[in-house]
Amino acid sequence: MKSDPEKAVEVKAQITALSKELAALRKEAILCDSIAERSGVIKEKIKAAREDEQPERKAKCDRTEQQKTVR
C-alpha cells in the first residue's frame, strides 16, 4: 500500500465506513439485548400478577355460580 497512495486512501475510507456501520450495529445489538432483558422481567411480573389474581377470580366465579343456583 505504501507504493500506491490512492489504494491506501481507498482502503482507509472503506475501513472508516465499516467502522461506522459496526458502531451502529453494536448500538442496535445493545438495544436489542436490553429489550429482551426487560421483556423477560415484564413476563415474570405479568405471571406473578396473574397468580395473585387467580384466587380472586376463582372466588368471584364461585360466588357467581352460587348466585345462579340460588335463583
N, C-alpha and C. Protein backbone atom coordinates (compact mmCIF):
# COMPACT_ATOMS: atom_id res chain seq x y z
N MET A 1 0.82 -1.19 0.00
CA MET A 1 0.00 0.00 0.00
C MET A 1 0.87 1.26 0.00
N LYS A 2 2.02 1.16 0.57
CA LYS A 2 2.88 2.33 0.61
C LYS A 2 3.27 2.77 -0.79
N SER A 3 3.31 1.82 -1.71
CA SER A 3 3.68 2.16 -3.08
C SER A 3 2.51 2.78 -3.85
N ASP A 4 1.28 2.56 -3.37
CA ASP A 4 0.11 3.10 -4.08
C ASP A 4 -0.73 3.92 -3.10
N PRO A 5 -0.46 5.22 -3.01
CA PRO A 5 -1.20 6.08 -2.07
C PRO A 5 -2.70 6.14 -2.34
N GLU A 6 -3.10 6.05 -3.59
CA GLU A 6 -4.54 6.08 -3.91
C GLU A 6 -5.24 4.86 -3.34
N LYS A 7 -4.59 3.72 -3.44
CA LYS A 7 -5.17 2.48 -2.91
C LYS A 7 -5.26 2.58 -1.38
N ALA A 8 -4.25 3.15 -0.76
CA ALA A 8 -4.24 3.30 0.70
C ALA A 8 -5.38 4.19 1.15
N VAL A 9 -5.62 5.27 0.46
CA VAL A 9 -6.72 6.19 0.80
C VAL A 9 -8.06 5.47 0.64
N GLU A 10 -8.18 4.67 -0.41
CA GLU A 10 -9.42 3.94 -0.66
C GLU A 10 -9.68 2.92 0.45
N VAL A 11 -8.64 2.21 0.85
CA VAL A 11 -8.78 1.21 1.90
C VAL A 11 -9.13 1.89 3.23
N LYS A 12 -8.49 3.00 3.53
CA LYS A 12 -8.81 3.73 4.76
C LYS A 12 -10.25 4.22 4.76
N ALA A 13 -10.74 4.64 3.62
CA ALA A 13 -12.13 5.08 3.51
C ALA A 13 -13.08 3.90 3.76
N GLN A 14 -12.74 2.75 3.23
CA GLN A 14 -13.56 1.55 3.45
C GLN A 14 -13.55 1.17 4.93
N ILE A 15 -12.38 1.25 5.54
CA ILE A 15 -12.27 0.92 6.96
C ILE A 15 -13.13 1.88 7.79
N THR A 16 -13.08 3.17 7.47
CA THR A 16 -13.87 4.17 8.18
C THR A 16 -15.37 3.88 8.04
N ALA A 17 -15.79 3.57 6.81
CA ALA A 17 -17.20 3.28 6.57
C ALA A 17 -17.65 2.04 7.33
N LEU A 18 -16.82 1.00 7.32
CA LEU A 18 -17.17 -0.22 8.03
C LEU A 18 -17.18 0.00 9.54
N SER A 19 -16.28 0.81 10.04
CA SER A 19 -16.25 1.11 11.47
C SER A 19 -17.52 1.82 11.91
N LYS A 20 -17.99 2.76 11.10
CA LYS A 20 -19.24 3.46 11.41
C LYS A 20 -20.42 2.49 11.40
N GLU A 21 -20.43 1.61 10.41
CA GLU A 21 -21.52 0.63 10.31
C GLU A 21 -21.50 -0.31 11.51
N LEU A 22 -20.30 -0.75 11.91
CA LEU A 22 -20.18 -1.62 13.07
C LEU A 22 -20.64 -0.92 14.35
N ALA A 23 -20.30 0.34 14.49
CA ALA A 23 -20.72 1.09 15.67
C ALA A 23 -22.24 1.13 15.76
N ALA A 24 -22.89 1.39 14.64
CA ALA A 24 -24.35 1.44 14.62
C ALA A 24 -24.94 0.06 14.95
N LEU A 25 -24.33 -0.99 14.41
CA LEU A 25 -24.83 -2.33 14.68
C LEU A 25 -24.60 -2.73 16.14
N ARG A 26 -23.51 -2.29 16.73
CA ARG A 26 -23.27 -2.57 18.15
C ARG A 26 -24.32 -1.89 19.01
N LYS A 27 -24.65 -0.65 18.70
CA LYS A 27 -25.68 0.07 19.45
C LYS A 27 -27.02 -0.67 19.34
N GLU A 28 -27.33 -1.13 18.14
CA GLU A 28 -28.58 -1.86 17.92
C GLU A 28 -28.59 -3.16 18.71
N ALA A 29 -27.46 -3.86 18.72
CA ALA A 29 -27.37 -5.12 19.47
C ALA A 29 -27.57 -4.87 20.96
N ILE A 30 -26.97 -3.81 21.48
CA ILE A 30 -27.13 -3.47 22.90
C ILE A 30 -28.58 -3.15 23.19
N LEU A 31 -29.22 -2.39 22.30
CA LEU A 31 -30.63 -2.05 22.47
C LEU A 31 -31.50 -3.31 22.46
N CYS A 32 -31.22 -4.22 21.53
CA CYS A 32 -31.99 -5.46 21.44
C CYS A 32 -31.81 -6.31 22.70
N ASP A 33 -30.58 -6.38 23.21
CA ASP A 33 -30.34 -7.13 24.45
C ASP A 33 -31.12 -6.52 25.60
N SER A 34 -31.13 -5.21 25.65
CA SER A 34 -31.85 -4.51 26.72
C SER A 34 -33.35 -4.78 26.64
N ILE A 35 -33.88 -4.74 25.44
CA ILE A 35 -35.31 -5.01 25.25
C ILE A 35 -35.63 -6.45 25.63
N ALA A 36 -34.79 -7.38 25.23
CA ALA A 36 -35.02 -8.79 25.56
C ALA A 36 -35.00 -8.99 27.08
N GLU A 37 -34.08 -8.34 27.74
CA GLU A 37 -33.99 -8.45 29.20
C GLU A 37 -35.24 -7.88 29.87
N ARG A 38 -35.66 -6.71 29.42
CA ARG A 38 -36.85 -6.09 30.01
C ARG A 38 -38.10 -6.91 29.73
N SER A 39 -38.19 -7.51 28.55
CA SER A 39 -39.38 -8.29 28.24
C SER A 39 -39.46 -9.52 29.13
N GLY A 40 -38.31 -10.09 29.48
CA GLY A 40 -38.30 -11.22 30.40
C GLY A 40 -38.79 -10.80 31.78
N VAL A 41 -38.36 -9.64 32.22
CA VAL A 41 -38.79 -9.13 33.52
C VAL A 41 -40.28 -8.86 33.50
N ILE A 42 -40.77 -8.28 32.43
CA ILE A 42 -42.20 -7.98 32.32
C ILE A 42 -43.01 -9.28 32.30
N LYS A 43 -42.52 -10.30 31.59
CA LYS A 43 -43.23 -11.59 31.58
C LYS A 43 -43.36 -12.14 32.99
N GLU A 44 -42.28 -12.05 33.76
CA GLU A 44 -42.32 -12.54 35.14
C GLU A 44 -43.31 -11.74 35.99
N LYS A 45 -43.34 -10.43 35.79
CA LYS A 45 -44.28 -9.59 36.55
C LYS A 45 -45.72 -9.92 36.19
N ILE A 46 -45.98 -10.14 34.91
CA ILE A 46 -47.33 -10.49 34.47
C ILE A 46 -47.73 -11.84 35.07
N LYS A 47 -46.80 -12.79 35.03
CA LYS A 47 -47.08 -14.12 35.60
C LYS A 47 -47.41 -14.01 37.08
N ALA A 48 -46.62 -13.23 37.80
CA ALA A 48 -46.86 -13.05 39.23
C ALA A 48 -48.21 -12.37 39.48
N ALA A 49 -48.53 -11.38 38.67
CA ALA A 49 -49.80 -10.68 38.84
C ALA A 49 -50.97 -11.62 38.57
N ARG A 50 -50.85 -12.45 37.56
CA ARG A 50 -51.92 -13.40 37.26
C ARG A 50 -52.08 -14.42 38.38
N GLU A 51 -50.96 -14.86 38.93
CA GLU A 51 -51.04 -15.81 40.03
C GLU A 51 -51.69 -15.17 41.25
N ASP A 52 -51.43 -13.89 41.48
CA ASP A 52 -52.07 -13.18 42.59
C ASP A 52 -53.56 -13.02 42.36
N GLU A 53 -53.95 -12.82 41.12
CA GLU A 53 -55.37 -12.60 40.79
C GLU A 53 -56.15 -13.90 40.74
N GLN A 54 -55.49 -15.01 40.53
CA GLN A 54 -56.18 -16.28 40.34
C GLN A 54 -57.12 -16.63 41.49
N PRO A 55 -56.70 -16.54 42.75
CA PRO A 55 -57.66 -16.86 43.84
C PRO A 55 -58.86 -15.90 43.85
N GLU A 56 -58.62 -14.63 43.52
CA GLU A 56 -59.72 -13.67 43.48
C GLU A 56 -60.72 -14.03 42.39
N ARG A 57 -60.21 -14.41 41.24
CA ARG A 57 -61.10 -14.80 40.13
C ARG A 57 -61.90 -16.04 40.49
N LYS A 58 -61.22 -17.02 41.11
CA LYS A 58 -61.91 -18.24 41.49
C LYS A 58 -63.02 -17.94 42.49
N ALA A 59 -62.74 -17.09 43.45
CA ALA A 59 -63.75 -16.74 44.45
C ALA A 59 -64.92 -16.03 43.79
N LYS A 60 -64.63 -15.15 42.86
CA LYS A 60 -65.69 -14.43 42.17
C LYS A 60 -66.55 -15.39 41.35
N CYS A 61 -65.90 -16.32 40.66
CA CYS A 61 -66.64 -17.30 39.87
C CYS A 61 -67.51 -18.18 40.77
N ASP A 62 -66.95 -18.56 41.91
CA ASP A 62 -67.71 -19.39 42.86
C ASP A 62 -68.94 -18.64 43.35
N ARG A 63 -68.80 -17.35 43.66
CA ARG A 63 -69.95 -16.55 44.11
C ARG A 63 -70.98 -16.46 43.01
N THR A 64 -70.53 -16.27 41.79
CA THR A 64 -71.45 -16.17 40.66
C THR A 64 -72.21 -17.48 40.48
N GLU A 65 -71.52 -18.59 40.59
CA GLU A 65 -72.18 -19.90 40.45
C GLU A 65 -73.19 -20.11 41.57
N GLN A 66 -72.84 -19.68 42.78
CA GLN A 66 -73.77 -19.83 43.91
C GLN A 66 -75.02 -19.00 43.69
N GLN A 67 -74.85 -17.79 43.15
CA GLN A 67 -76.00 -16.93 42.90
C GLN A 67 -76.91 -17.54 41.84
N LYS A 68 -76.32 -18.17 40.85
CA LYS A 68 -77.12 -18.80 39.79
C LYS A 68 -77.92 -19.96 40.35
N THR A 69 -77.35 -20.73 41.24
CA THR A 69 -78.06 -21.89 41.78
C THR A 69 -79.14 -21.48 42.77
N VAL A 70 -78.97 -20.33 43.42
CA VAL A 70 -79.96 -19.84 44.39
C VAL A 70 -81.22 -19.39 43.65
N ARG A 71 -81.08 -18.84 42.51
CA ARG A 71 -82.24 -18.29 41.75
C ARG A 71 -83.08 -19.38 41.29
